[in-house]
Structures are given as C-alpha cells and as structure tokens.
C-alpha cells in the first residue's frame, strides 16, 4: 500500500478562492520566516503552541469558519478511510500558509525532532496550482508530486521525509496534522464546534 494518498478535487476552486482571500486579507499579521518568504497563521496544541508561538484554539477566521470546519472534518474522514484506521483521530494543528516566489520547505519529517510525536497523520490541502516549482518530494520513496488546486495529500507523519524546493510563484496551502490523543484535540471556538 502506497504510504501517500492523493485525493483529486477535494475542494472546489470557489472554496479555495475564499480561503486565499482570507489569507491575502490577513497574511501581513501572520508569522513569517526570517527571509520573509513564508507567511503562516498557526493554530495547534503542538510544539509550536508549547513554545508560545501559536494559538491553542481556532478563532478569527471570519467568513471562512464554517468552510474550515467542513474541510477539517472531511479530511479527518478521508484519513480514516484511506488508511483503514478505525481509531478516533483528532485535529492537533492547522496552518494557513502563503509562500512567496523564492521560498522553499527544507527536507524534514513532521515528527523528526521528537517534539511532535503525537502526530499520526499529516495532510495538505492545495489552494492553487503552481506551474513554476512547488513540487512535493518524498525522497525516501522516490516520489515527486506536482499538486494542483483542490488536491488533498495525506500521509503518515512519522519518518516520512518530504520537501518542497524552488517555489517560483505564490503558493497557498492548508496543512494540518492529526493525533489519536484526545487530550491534544484542537477545537474551533466559533460555533462551539469540535473537530
């Protein structure tokens, strides 16, 4: 069984555009990397939260709150189905991300440093298609993926090396991580909805 699952057309162009509109309206208040090429709004009960660098409850998403809840719930269901996992899984971390041309994501595993050993599944929703760069590489299994708008890519978090190099144009994504530890469940404040 391939350790990576690709679900095409997971979200519509209109849904992706709503999230991009939210990111564009707010990204100057997001955390940015030291080169100023990667902006992210981070929610989570993970190592970043423990370091005091993100919010432990999801709020402030304005008119994309219900859409975000639906996306996370649908991803969770597809993760369980795709990996035949009958255990309960819970959202642990959710990011809204904008990469600028010239950016990259270095090779890493989502649990490599031991700080986020609670991550079981990683998922990325792609909000736009990138023609110039933006390829997602999994070097240990010799797999390269050129994601398109609406794609969902899910994989086991542990020991799955991946990277994105040479991002040549704006890249918008919605990465998220899931745990089996209910104590570390990240929740939406709006609508008092659990995910």
N, C-alpha and C. Protein backbone atom coordinates (compact mmCIF):
# COMPACT_ATOMS: atom_id res chain seq x y z
N UNK A 1 0.84 -1.18 0.00
CA UNK A 1 0.00 0.00 0.00
C UNK A 1 0.89 1.25 0.00
N UNK A 2 0.61 2.18 -0.93
CA UNK A 2 1.36 3.42 -1.01
C UNK A 2 1.13 4.25 0.26
N UNK A 3 2.22 4.73 0.91
CA UNK A 3 2.06 5.48 2.16
C UNK A 3 1.55 6.90 1.96
N UNK A 4 1.37 7.31 0.72
CA UNK A 4 0.88 8.64 0.38
C UNK A 4 -0.45 8.47 -0.34
N UNK A 5 -1.45 9.23 0.04
CA UNK A 5 -2.74 9.21 -0.64
C UNK A 5 -2.98 10.58 -1.26
N UNK A 6 -3.39 10.58 -2.51
CA UNK A 6 -3.69 11.82 -3.23
C UNK A 6 -5.17 11.79 -3.60
N UNK A 7 -5.91 12.76 -3.13
CA UNK A 7 -7.33 12.87 -3.44
C UNK A 7 -7.48 14.10 -4.32
N UNK A 8 -7.87 13.90 -5.57
CA UNK A 8 -8.05 14.99 -6.52
C UNK A 8 -9.39 15.69 -6.26
N UNK A 9 -9.42 16.98 -6.56
CA UNK A 9 -10.66 17.78 -6.47
C UNK A 9 -11.32 17.69 -5.10
N UNK A 10 -10.51 17.69 -4.07
CA UNK A 10 -11.04 17.62 -2.71
C UNK A 10 -11.87 18.86 -2.38
N UNK A 11 -11.38 20.03 -2.77
CA UNK A 11 -12.17 21.25 -2.62
C UNK A 11 -12.32 21.91 -3.99
N UNK A 12 -13.33 22.75 -4.10
CA UNK A 12 -13.61 23.42 -5.37
C UNK A 12 -12.74 24.67 -5.51
N UNK A 13 -12.70 25.18 -6.72
CA UNK A 13 -11.98 26.42 -6.99
C UNK A 13 -12.58 27.56 -6.16
N UNK A 14 -13.90 27.63 -6.07
CA UNK A 14 -14.56 28.69 -5.30
C UNK A 14 -14.19 28.60 -3.81
N UNK A 15 -14.14 27.38 -3.26
CA UNK A 15 -13.76 27.21 -1.85
C UNK A 15 -12.31 27.64 -1.64
N UNK A 16 -11.43 27.23 -2.56
CA UNK A 16 -10.02 27.61 -2.46
C UNK A 16 -9.87 29.12 -2.53
N UNK A 17 -10.61 29.75 -3.42
CA UNK A 17 -10.51 31.21 -3.56
C UNK A 17 -10.97 31.94 -2.30
N UNK A 18 -11.98 31.41 -1.61
CA UNK A 18 -12.42 32.02 -0.35
C UNK A 18 -11.31 31.98 0.70
N UNK A 19 -10.60 30.85 0.77
CA UNK A 19 -9.52 30.73 1.76
C UNK A 19 -8.34 31.63 1.36
N UNK A 20 -8.02 31.66 0.07
CA UNK A 20 -6.94 32.54 -0.39
C UNK A 20 -7.29 34.00 -0.10
N UNK A 21 -8.54 34.36 -0.29
CA UNK A 21 -8.97 35.73 0.00
C UNK A 21 -8.75 36.06 1.48
N UNK A 22 -9.07 35.10 2.37
CA UNK A 22 -8.82 35.30 3.79
C UNK A 22 -7.31 35.47 4.06
N UNK A 23 -6.50 34.60 3.45
CA UNK A 23 -5.05 34.68 3.65
C UNK A 23 -4.53 36.02 3.15
N UNK A 24 -4.94 36.44 1.96
CA UNK A 24 -4.47 37.71 1.39
C UNK A 24 -4.86 38.90 2.28
N UNK A 25 -6.03 38.83 2.83
CA UNK A 25 -6.51 39.93 3.68
C UNK A 25 -5.75 40.01 5.00
N UNK A 26 -5.21 38.88 5.45
CA UNK A 26 -4.63 38.81 6.80
C UNK A 26 -3.15 38.45 6.88
N UNK A 27 -2.52 38.07 5.78
CA UNK A 27 -1.19 37.47 5.89
C UNK A 27 -0.13 38.39 6.48
N UNK A 28 -0.31 39.70 6.40
CA UNK A 28 0.70 40.59 6.98
C UNK A 28 0.72 40.49 8.51
N UNK A 29 -0.33 39.91 9.11
CA UNK A 29 -0.34 39.70 10.56
C UNK A 29 0.12 38.29 10.93
N UNK A 30 0.39 37.45 9.92
CA UNK A 30 0.84 36.08 10.16
C UNK A 30 2.31 36.08 10.60
N UNK A 31 2.75 34.96 11.15
CA UNK A 31 4.17 34.76 11.43
C UNK A 31 4.89 34.58 10.10
N UNK A 32 6.10 35.15 9.98
CA UNK A 32 6.85 34.95 8.75
C UNK A 32 8.24 34.41 9.06
N UNK A 33 8.82 33.74 8.07
CA UNK A 33 10.17 33.21 8.26
C UNK A 33 11.18 34.36 8.17
N UNK A 34 12.42 34.09 8.51
CA UNK A 34 13.42 35.15 8.57
C UNK A 34 13.77 35.74 7.20
N UNK A 35 13.40 35.05 6.11
CA UNK A 35 13.64 35.59 4.77
C UNK A 35 12.43 36.39 4.27
N UNK A 36 11.30 36.30 4.99
CA UNK A 36 10.09 36.99 4.56
C UNK A 36 9.42 36.35 3.36
N UNK A 37 9.65 35.04 3.17
CA UNK A 37 9.09 34.34 2.01
C UNK A 37 8.01 33.33 2.37
N UNK A 38 7.71 33.21 3.66
CA UNK A 38 6.75 32.21 4.12
C UNK A 38 5.93 32.81 5.25
N UNK A 39 4.64 32.99 5.00
CA UNK A 39 3.73 33.56 5.99
C UNK A 39 2.76 32.48 6.43
N UNK A 40 2.54 32.34 7.74
CA UNK A 40 1.64 31.29 8.22
C UNK A 40 0.87 31.74 9.46
N UNK A 41 -0.40 31.40 9.47
CA UNK A 41 -1.24 31.56 10.65
C UNK A 41 -1.36 30.17 11.23
N UNK A 42 -0.90 29.99 12.46
CA UNK A 42 -0.77 28.67 13.06
C UNK A 42 -1.71 28.52 14.25
N UNK A 43 -2.48 27.44 14.21
CA UNK A 43 -3.30 27.04 15.35
C UNK A 43 -2.88 25.63 15.72
N UNK A 44 -2.74 25.33 17.01
CA UNK A 44 -2.39 23.97 17.35
C UNK A 44 -2.14 23.73 18.81
N UNK A 45 -2.20 22.47 19.18
CA UNK A 45 -1.78 22.03 20.51
C UNK A 45 -0.57 21.13 20.29
N UNK A 46 0.50 21.74 19.81
CA UNK A 46 1.70 21.03 19.39
C UNK A 46 2.93 21.74 19.93
N UNK A 47 4.10 21.42 19.41
CA UNK A 47 5.34 22.00 19.92
C UNK A 47 5.38 23.51 19.73
N UNK A 48 4.82 24.00 18.63
CA UNK A 48 4.81 25.45 18.39
C UNK A 48 3.96 26.14 19.45
N UNK A 49 2.84 25.53 19.79
CA UNK A 49 1.97 26.08 20.84
C UNK A 49 2.71 26.09 22.19
N UNK A 50 3.37 24.98 22.49
CA UNK A 50 4.10 24.90 23.77
C UNK A 50 5.22 25.92 23.85
N UNK A 51 5.74 26.32 22.69
CA UNK A 51 6.79 27.35 22.66
C UNK A 51 6.20 28.76 22.72
N UNK A 52 4.87 28.86 22.76
CA UNK A 52 4.22 30.15 22.85
C UNK A 52 4.10 30.88 21.53
N UNK A 53 4.16 30.14 20.42
CA UNK A 53 4.18 30.79 19.10
C UNK A 53 2.92 30.58 18.28
N UNK A 54 1.87 30.04 18.85
CA UNK A 54 0.62 29.91 18.10
C UNK A 54 -0.55 29.83 19.07
N UNK A 55 -1.74 29.81 18.50
CA UNK A 55 -2.95 29.82 19.29
C UNK A 55 -3.47 28.40 19.51
N UNK A 56 -4.00 28.13 20.70
CA UNK A 56 -4.46 26.80 21.05
C UNK A 56 -5.93 26.56 20.80
N UNK A 57 -6.58 27.52 20.19
CA UNK A 57 -7.98 27.34 19.79
C UNK A 57 -8.14 28.09 18.47
N UNK A 58 -8.99 27.59 17.60
CA UNK A 58 -9.15 28.20 16.28
C UNK A 58 -10.26 29.24 16.35
N UNK A 59 -9.87 30.48 16.10
CA UNK A 59 -10.84 31.57 16.07
C UNK A 59 -10.33 32.67 15.16
N UNK A 60 -11.22 33.61 14.81
CA UNK A 60 -10.82 34.73 13.98
C UNK A 60 -10.77 34.42 12.50
N UNK A 61 -11.45 33.38 12.06
CA UNK A 61 -11.42 33.03 10.64
C UNK A 61 -12.50 33.73 9.82
N UNK A 62 -13.22 34.60 10.47
CA UNK A 62 -14.22 35.42 9.79
C UNK A 62 -15.20 34.55 9.01
N UNK A 63 -15.41 34.88 7.74
CA UNK A 63 -16.44 34.20 6.96
C UNK A 63 -16.02 32.83 6.41
N UNK A 64 -14.82 32.37 6.74
CA UNK A 64 -14.42 31.02 6.30
C UNK A 64 -14.47 30.00 7.44
N UNK A 65 -15.06 30.38 8.56
CA UNK A 65 -15.12 29.46 9.70
C UNK A 65 -15.84 28.17 9.36
N UNK A 66 -17.05 28.26 8.84
CA UNK A 66 -17.82 27.05 8.54
C UNK A 66 -17.14 26.21 7.46
N UNK A 67 -16.58 26.87 6.46
CA UNK A 67 -15.86 26.14 5.41
C UNK A 67 -14.66 25.42 6.01
N UNK A 68 -13.93 26.08 6.90
CA UNK A 68 -12.75 25.45 7.52
C UNK A 68 -13.15 24.24 8.35
N UNK A 69 -14.25 24.36 9.09
CA UNK A 69 -14.75 23.23 9.89
C UNK A 69 -15.08 22.06 8.97
N UNK A 70 -15.78 22.34 7.87
CA UNK A 70 -16.15 21.29 6.92
C UNK A 70 -14.91 20.62 6.33
N UNK A 71 -13.92 21.43 5.92
CA UNK A 71 -12.70 20.88 5.33
C UNK A 71 -11.99 19.96 6.32
N UNK A 72 -11.80 20.42 7.55
CA UNK A 72 -11.10 19.61 8.55
C UNK A 72 -11.86 18.32 8.82
N UNK A 73 -13.17 18.41 8.94
CA UNK A 73 -13.97 17.22 9.20
C UNK A 73 -13.89 16.23 8.03
N UNK A 74 -13.97 16.76 6.81
CA UNK A 74 -13.87 15.90 5.62
C UNK A 74 -12.48 15.25 5.51
N UNK A 75 -11.43 16.02 5.80
CA UNK A 75 -10.07 15.46 5.77
C UNK A 75 -9.95 14.34 6.79
N UNK A 76 -10.44 14.59 7.98
CA UNK A 76 -10.37 13.56 9.03
C UNK A 76 -11.04 12.27 8.57
N UNK A 77 -12.21 12.38 7.97
CA UNK A 77 -12.91 11.20 7.47
C UNK A 77 -12.14 10.49 6.37
N UNK A 78 -11.53 11.25 5.47
CA UNK A 78 -10.75 10.64 4.39
C UNK A 78 -9.47 9.99 4.89
N UNK A 79 -8.85 10.58 5.91
CA UNK A 79 -7.66 9.96 6.51
C UNK A 79 -8.04 8.59 7.06
N UNK A 80 -9.10 8.54 7.85
CA UNK A 80 -9.53 7.26 8.44
C UNK A 80 -9.84 6.24 7.35
N UNK A 81 -10.57 6.66 6.34
CA UNK A 81 -10.96 5.76 5.25
C UNK A 81 -9.76 5.32 4.43
N UNK A 82 -8.90 6.26 4.07
CA UNK A 82 -7.76 5.96 3.20
C UNK A 82 -6.76 5.00 3.83
N UNK A 83 -6.61 5.10 5.15
CA UNK A 83 -5.65 4.25 5.85
C UNK A 83 -6.33 3.14 6.66
N UNK A 84 -7.62 2.95 6.42
CA UNK A 84 -8.38 1.90 7.12
C UNK A 84 -8.14 1.95 8.63
N UNK A 85 -8.18 3.15 9.18
CA UNK A 85 -7.92 3.36 10.60
C UNK A 85 -9.25 3.53 11.32
N UNK A 86 -9.57 2.60 12.20
CA UNK A 86 -10.84 2.66 12.92
C UNK A 86 -10.74 3.40 14.25
N UNK A 87 -9.53 3.81 14.64
CA UNK A 87 -9.36 4.60 15.86
C UNK A 87 -9.89 6.02 15.64
N UNK A 88 -10.29 6.66 16.72
CA UNK A 88 -10.66 8.07 16.65
C UNK A 88 -9.40 8.88 16.40
N UNK A 89 -9.51 9.86 15.50
CA UNK A 89 -8.40 10.78 15.30
C UNK A 89 -8.92 12.20 15.50
N UNK A 90 -8.02 13.06 15.94
CA UNK A 90 -8.39 14.42 16.32
C UNK A 90 -7.43 15.41 15.68
N UNK A 91 -7.97 16.55 15.27
CA UNK A 91 -7.13 17.61 14.75
C UNK A 91 -6.19 18.09 15.86
N UNK A 92 -4.90 18.25 15.53
CA UNK A 92 -3.92 18.71 16.51
C UNK A 92 -3.28 20.03 16.10
N UNK A 93 -3.21 20.30 14.79
CA UNK A 93 -2.58 21.53 14.33
C UNK A 93 -3.14 21.88 12.94
N UNK A 94 -3.33 23.17 12.70
CA UNK A 94 -3.88 23.66 11.44
C UNK A 94 -3.19 24.96 11.09
N UNK A 95 -2.69 25.06 9.84
CA UNK A 95 -2.00 26.26 9.38
C UNK A 95 -2.67 26.81 8.13
N UNK A 96 -2.62 28.13 7.98
CA UNK A 96 -2.98 28.81 6.75
C UNK A 96 -1.68 29.41 6.23
N UNK A 97 -1.26 29.04 5.00
CA UNK A 97 0.10 29.36 4.56
C UNK A 97 0.12 30.04 3.19
N UNK A 98 0.99 31.04 3.10
CA UNK A 98 1.31 31.69 1.83
C UNK A 98 2.82 31.68 1.67
N UNK A 99 3.30 31.08 0.58
CA UNK A 99 4.72 31.15 0.21
C UNK A 99 4.88 32.15 -0.92
N UNK A 100 5.92 32.94 -0.85
CA UNK A 100 6.25 33.88 -1.92
C UNK A 100 7.27 33.24 -2.86
N UNK A 101 7.36 33.74 -4.09
CA UNK A 101 8.39 33.23 -5.00
C UNK A 101 9.77 33.30 -4.36
N UNK A 102 10.54 32.25 -4.55
CA UNK A 102 11.88 32.16 -3.96
C UNK A 102 11.91 31.35 -2.69
N UNK A 103 10.75 30.99 -2.17
CA UNK A 103 10.68 30.21 -0.93
C UNK A 103 10.89 28.72 -1.18
N UNK A 104 10.95 27.99 -0.08
CA UNK A 104 11.10 26.53 -0.13
C UNK A 104 10.72 25.97 1.23
N UNK A 105 10.57 24.66 1.28
CA UNK A 105 10.38 23.95 2.55
C UNK A 105 11.46 22.88 2.57
N UNK A 106 12.39 23.00 3.51
CA UNK A 106 13.50 22.06 3.57
C UNK A 106 13.06 20.64 3.91
N UNK A 107 13.92 19.70 3.60
CA UNK A 107 13.62 18.29 3.87
C UNK A 107 13.44 18.07 5.37
N UNK A 108 12.35 17.39 5.71
CA UNK A 108 12.06 17.13 7.12
C UNK A 108 11.02 16.02 7.23
N UNK A 109 10.89 15.49 8.42
CA UNK A 109 9.79 14.62 8.80
C UNK A 109 9.01 15.36 9.87
N UNK A 110 7.70 15.26 9.85
CA UNK A 110 6.89 16.03 10.79
C UNK A 110 7.08 15.63 12.25
N UNK A 111 7.72 14.48 12.48
CA UNK A 111 7.98 14.04 13.85
C UNK A 111 9.47 13.84 14.12
N UNK A 112 10.32 14.36 13.25
CA UNK A 112 11.75 14.05 13.28
C UNK A 112 12.45 14.44 14.58
N UNK A 113 12.14 15.62 15.11
CA UNK A 113 12.88 16.07 16.29
C UNK A 113 12.27 15.56 17.60
N UNK A 114 11.22 14.76 17.51
CA UNK A 114 10.58 14.21 18.69
C UNK A 114 9.62 15.15 19.38
N UNK A 115 9.60 16.41 18.93
CA UNK A 115 8.74 17.40 19.59
C UNK A 115 7.26 17.15 19.33
N UNK A 116 6.93 16.57 18.22
CA UNK A 116 5.53 16.34 17.87
C UNK A 116 5.26 14.87 17.60
N UNK A 117 5.70 14.03 18.52
CA UNK A 117 5.48 12.60 18.40
C UNK A 117 4.02 12.20 18.42
N UNK A 118 3.14 13.14 18.83
CA UNK A 118 1.70 12.84 18.84
C UNK A 118 1.10 12.86 17.43
N UNK A 119 1.79 13.47 16.45
CA UNK A 119 1.28 13.48 15.08
C UNK A 119 1.23 12.06 14.55
N UNK A 120 0.09 11.67 14.01
CA UNK A 120 -0.08 10.36 13.38
C UNK A 120 -0.23 10.52 11.87
N UNK A 121 -1.02 11.52 11.47
CA UNK A 121 -1.26 11.76 10.05
C UNK A 121 -1.02 13.23 9.72
N UNK A 122 -0.43 13.45 8.55
CA UNK A 122 -0.22 14.79 8.01
C UNK A 122 -1.10 14.94 6.78
N UNK A 123 -1.61 16.14 6.56
CA UNK A 123 -2.47 16.39 5.40
C UNK A 123 -2.21 17.79 4.88
N UNK A 124 -2.27 17.94 3.57
CA UNK A 124 -2.09 19.25 2.95
C UNK A 124 -3.17 19.44 1.90
N UNK A 125 -3.92 20.53 2.02
CA UNK A 125 -4.89 20.91 1.00
C UNK A 125 -4.23 22.01 0.16
N UNK A 126 -4.25 21.84 -1.16
CA UNK A 126 -3.63 22.80 -2.07
C UNK A 126 -4.68 23.75 -2.61
N UNK A 127 -4.41 25.05 -2.43
CA UNK A 127 -5.39 26.07 -2.78
C UNK A 127 -5.14 26.69 -4.15
N UNK A 128 -3.98 26.40 -4.75
CA UNK A 128 -3.71 26.87 -6.10
C UNK A 128 -2.74 25.92 -6.79
N UNK A 129 -2.70 26.01 -8.10
CA UNK A 129 -1.77 25.22 -8.91
C UNK A 129 -0.55 26.07 -9.19
N UNK A 130 0.62 25.48 -9.02
CA UNK A 130 1.87 26.19 -9.29
C UNK A 130 2.53 25.54 -10.50
N UNK A 131 2.80 26.34 -11.50
CA UNK A 131 3.47 25.84 -12.71
C UNK A 131 4.99 25.91 -12.58
N UNK A 132 5.48 26.89 -11.78
CA UNK A 132 6.91 27.11 -11.64
C UNK A 132 7.36 26.62 -10.26
N UNK A 133 7.86 25.38 -10.21
CA UNK A 133 8.32 24.80 -8.95
C UNK A 133 7.16 24.27 -8.12
N UNK A 134 7.38 24.23 -6.81
CA UNK A 134 6.34 23.80 -5.90
C UNK A 134 6.11 22.30 -5.85
N UNK A 135 7.04 21.52 -6.38
CA UNK A 135 6.89 20.06 -6.38
C UNK A 135 7.12 19.53 -4.96
N UNK A 136 6.26 18.63 -4.53
CA UNK A 136 6.37 17.98 -3.23
C UNK A 136 7.13 16.67 -3.43
N UNK A 137 8.31 16.58 -2.84
CA UNK A 137 9.16 15.40 -2.99
C UNK A 137 9.18 14.57 -1.72
N UNK A 138 9.10 13.26 -1.89
CA UNK A 138 9.29 12.28 -0.82
C UNK A 138 10.52 11.46 -1.20
N UNK A 139 11.72 11.89 -0.81
CA UNK A 139 12.94 11.26 -1.31
C UNK A 139 13.12 9.80 -0.90
N UNK A 140 12.63 9.40 0.26
CA UNK A 140 12.83 8.01 0.71
C UNK A 140 12.04 7.00 -0.10
N UNK A 141 10.98 7.45 -0.75
CA UNK A 141 10.20 6.52 -1.58
C UNK A 141 10.24 6.93 -3.05
N UNK A 142 11.15 7.86 -3.38
CA UNK A 142 11.38 8.30 -4.76
C UNK A 142 10.07 8.71 -5.44
N UNK A 143 9.33 9.60 -4.76
CA UNK A 143 8.05 10.07 -5.28
C UNK A 143 8.05 11.59 -5.31
N UNK A 144 7.68 12.15 -6.46
CA UNK A 144 7.51 13.59 -6.61
C UNK A 144 6.09 13.86 -7.10
N UNK A 145 5.45 14.85 -6.49
CA UNK A 145 4.07 15.16 -6.81
C UNK A 145 3.98 16.65 -7.15
N UNK A 146 3.35 16.94 -8.27
CA UNK A 146 3.07 18.34 -8.62
C UNK A 146 1.60 18.59 -8.28
N UNK A 147 1.32 19.08 -7.08
CA UNK A 147 -0.07 19.26 -6.65
C UNK A 147 -0.79 20.32 -7.48
N UNK A 148 -2.10 20.14 -7.58
CA UNK A 148 -2.94 21.09 -8.30
C UNK A 148 -4.01 21.63 -7.35
N UNK A 149 -4.60 22.74 -7.74
CA UNK A 149 -5.68 23.34 -6.97
C UNK A 149 -6.72 22.29 -6.63
N UNK A 150 -7.07 22.21 -5.35
CA UNK A 150 -8.10 21.28 -4.90
C UNK A 150 -7.58 19.94 -4.43
N UNK A 151 -6.30 19.65 -4.65
CA UNK A 151 -5.74 18.36 -4.23
C UNK A 151 -5.60 18.29 -2.71
N UNK A 152 -5.80 17.09 -2.20
CA UNK A 152 -5.51 16.77 -0.80
C UNK A 152 -4.48 15.65 -0.80
N UNK A 153 -3.39 15.85 -0.08
CA UNK A 153 -2.36 14.82 0.05
C UNK A 153 -2.26 14.47 1.52
N UNK A 154 -2.37 13.17 1.83
CA UNK A 154 -2.29 12.72 3.21
C UNK A 154 -1.24 11.61 3.33
N UNK A 155 -0.59 11.56 4.49
CA UNK A 155 0.45 10.55 4.71
C UNK A 155 0.70 10.40 6.20
N UNK A 156 1.34 9.29 6.56
CA UNK A 156 1.74 9.07 7.94
C UNK A 156 2.80 10.10 8.31
N UNK A 157 2.66 10.69 9.47
CA UNK A 157 3.60 11.74 9.89
C UNK A 157 4.98 11.21 10.23
N UNK A 158 5.04 10.04 10.84
CA UNK A 158 6.30 9.52 11.36
C UNK A 158 7.23 9.06 10.24
N UNK A 159 8.46 9.58 10.28
CA UNK A 159 9.54 9.14 9.41
C UNK A 159 9.29 9.31 7.92
N UNK A 160 8.33 10.14 7.54
CA UNK A 160 8.06 10.35 6.13
C UNK A 160 8.73 11.66 5.70
N UNK A 161 9.98 11.53 5.21
CA UNK A 161 10.72 12.71 4.77
C UNK A 161 10.03 13.33 3.57
N UNK A 162 9.97 14.68 3.56
CA UNK A 162 9.41 15.38 2.43
C UNK A 162 9.99 16.79 2.36
N UNK A 163 9.87 17.42 1.20
CA UNK A 163 10.39 18.77 0.99
C UNK A 163 9.69 19.41 -0.20
N UNK A 164 9.77 20.72 -0.25
CA UNK A 164 9.29 21.49 -1.40
C UNK A 164 10.40 22.47 -1.72
N UNK A 165 10.96 22.37 -2.90
CA UNK A 165 12.04 23.29 -3.26
C UNK A 165 11.63 24.15 -4.45
N UNK A 166 12.31 25.25 -4.59
CA UNK A 166 12.15 26.12 -5.76
C UNK A 166 10.70 26.54 -6.01
N UNK A 167 10.12 27.19 -5.04
CA UNK A 167 8.77 27.73 -5.22
C UNK A 167 8.90 29.00 -6.05
N UNK A 168 8.41 28.95 -7.28
CA UNK A 168 8.63 30.05 -8.23
C UNK A 168 7.49 31.04 -8.33
N UNK A 169 6.39 30.80 -7.62
CA UNK A 169 5.25 31.71 -7.66
C UNK A 169 4.48 31.57 -6.36
N UNK A 170 3.48 32.40 -6.16
CA UNK A 170 2.73 32.32 -4.92
C UNK A 170 2.15 30.92 -4.75
N UNK A 171 2.26 30.41 -3.53
CA UNK A 171 1.79 29.05 -3.21
C UNK A 171 0.94 29.14 -1.94
N UNK A 172 -0.29 28.67 -2.02
CA UNK A 172 -1.21 28.72 -0.89
C UNK A 172 -1.60 27.30 -0.49
N UNK A 173 -1.44 26.99 0.79
CA UNK A 173 -1.77 25.65 1.28
C UNK A 173 -2.45 25.72 2.64
N UNK A 174 -3.09 24.63 2.96
CA UNK A 174 -3.75 24.46 4.25
C UNK A 174 -3.26 23.14 4.83
N UNK A 175 -2.07 23.14 5.49
CA UNK A 175 -1.58 21.91 6.12
C UNK A 175 -2.24 21.67 7.47
N UNK A 176 -2.37 20.40 7.83
CA UNK A 176 -2.94 20.04 9.13
C UNK A 176 -2.39 18.70 9.58
N UNK A 177 -2.43 18.50 10.90
CA UNK A 177 -1.89 17.28 11.49
C UNK A 177 -2.91 16.71 12.46
N UNK A 178 -2.95 15.39 12.52
CA UNK A 178 -3.93 14.70 13.35
C UNK A 178 -3.24 13.80 14.36
N UNK A 179 -3.89 13.64 15.50
CA UNK A 179 -3.38 12.83 16.60
C UNK A 179 -4.46 11.83 17.02
N UNK A 180 -4.07 10.84 17.80
CA UNK A 180 -5.04 9.93 18.41
C UNK A 180 -5.24 10.25 19.90
N UNK A 181 -4.56 11.30 20.35
CA UNK A 181 -4.64 11.71 21.75
C UNK A 181 -5.72 12.78 21.91
N UNK A 182 -6.87 12.40 22.44
CA UNK A 182 -8.00 13.34 22.59
C UNK A 182 -7.63 14.53 23.46
N UNK A 183 -6.70 14.36 24.40
CA UNK A 183 -6.27 15.47 25.25
C UNK A 183 -5.62 16.58 24.44
N UNK A 184 -5.15 16.27 23.23
CA UNK A 184 -4.47 17.25 22.39
C UNK A 184 -5.32 17.67 21.20
N UNK A 185 -6.63 17.57 21.35
CA UNK A 185 -7.55 17.93 20.27
C UNK A 185 -7.67 19.45 20.15
N UNK A 186 -7.39 19.96 18.96
CA UNK A 186 -7.55 21.37 18.64
C UNK A 186 -9.00 21.60 18.21
N UNK A 187 -9.63 22.64 18.77
CA UNK A 187 -11.05 22.89 18.51
C UNK A 187 -11.27 24.28 17.95
N UNK A 188 -12.36 24.42 17.23
CA UNK A 188 -12.81 25.73 16.76
C UNK A 188 -13.60 26.41 17.87
N UNK A 189 -13.33 27.68 18.10
CA UNK A 189 -14.10 28.43 19.09
C UNK A 189 -15.45 28.80 18.55
N UNK A 190 -15.48 29.31 17.29
CA UNK A 190 -16.74 29.71 16.69
C UNK A 190 -17.67 28.52 16.58
N UNK A 191 -18.90 28.75 16.82
CA UNK A 191 -19.95 27.75 16.71
C UNK A 191 -19.82 26.64 17.74
N UNK A 192 -18.83 26.75 18.66
CA UNK A 192 -18.59 25.71 19.65
C UNK A 192 -18.55 24.33 19.01
N UNK A 193 -17.90 24.24 17.86
CA UNK A 193 -17.86 23.00 17.08
C UNK A 193 -16.56 22.27 17.36
N UNK A 194 -16.65 21.01 17.74
CA UNK A 194 -15.47 20.17 17.91
C UNK A 194 -15.11 19.55 16.58
N UNK A 195 -13.83 19.36 16.37
CA UNK A 195 -13.36 18.72 15.13
C UNK A 195 -12.58 17.48 15.49
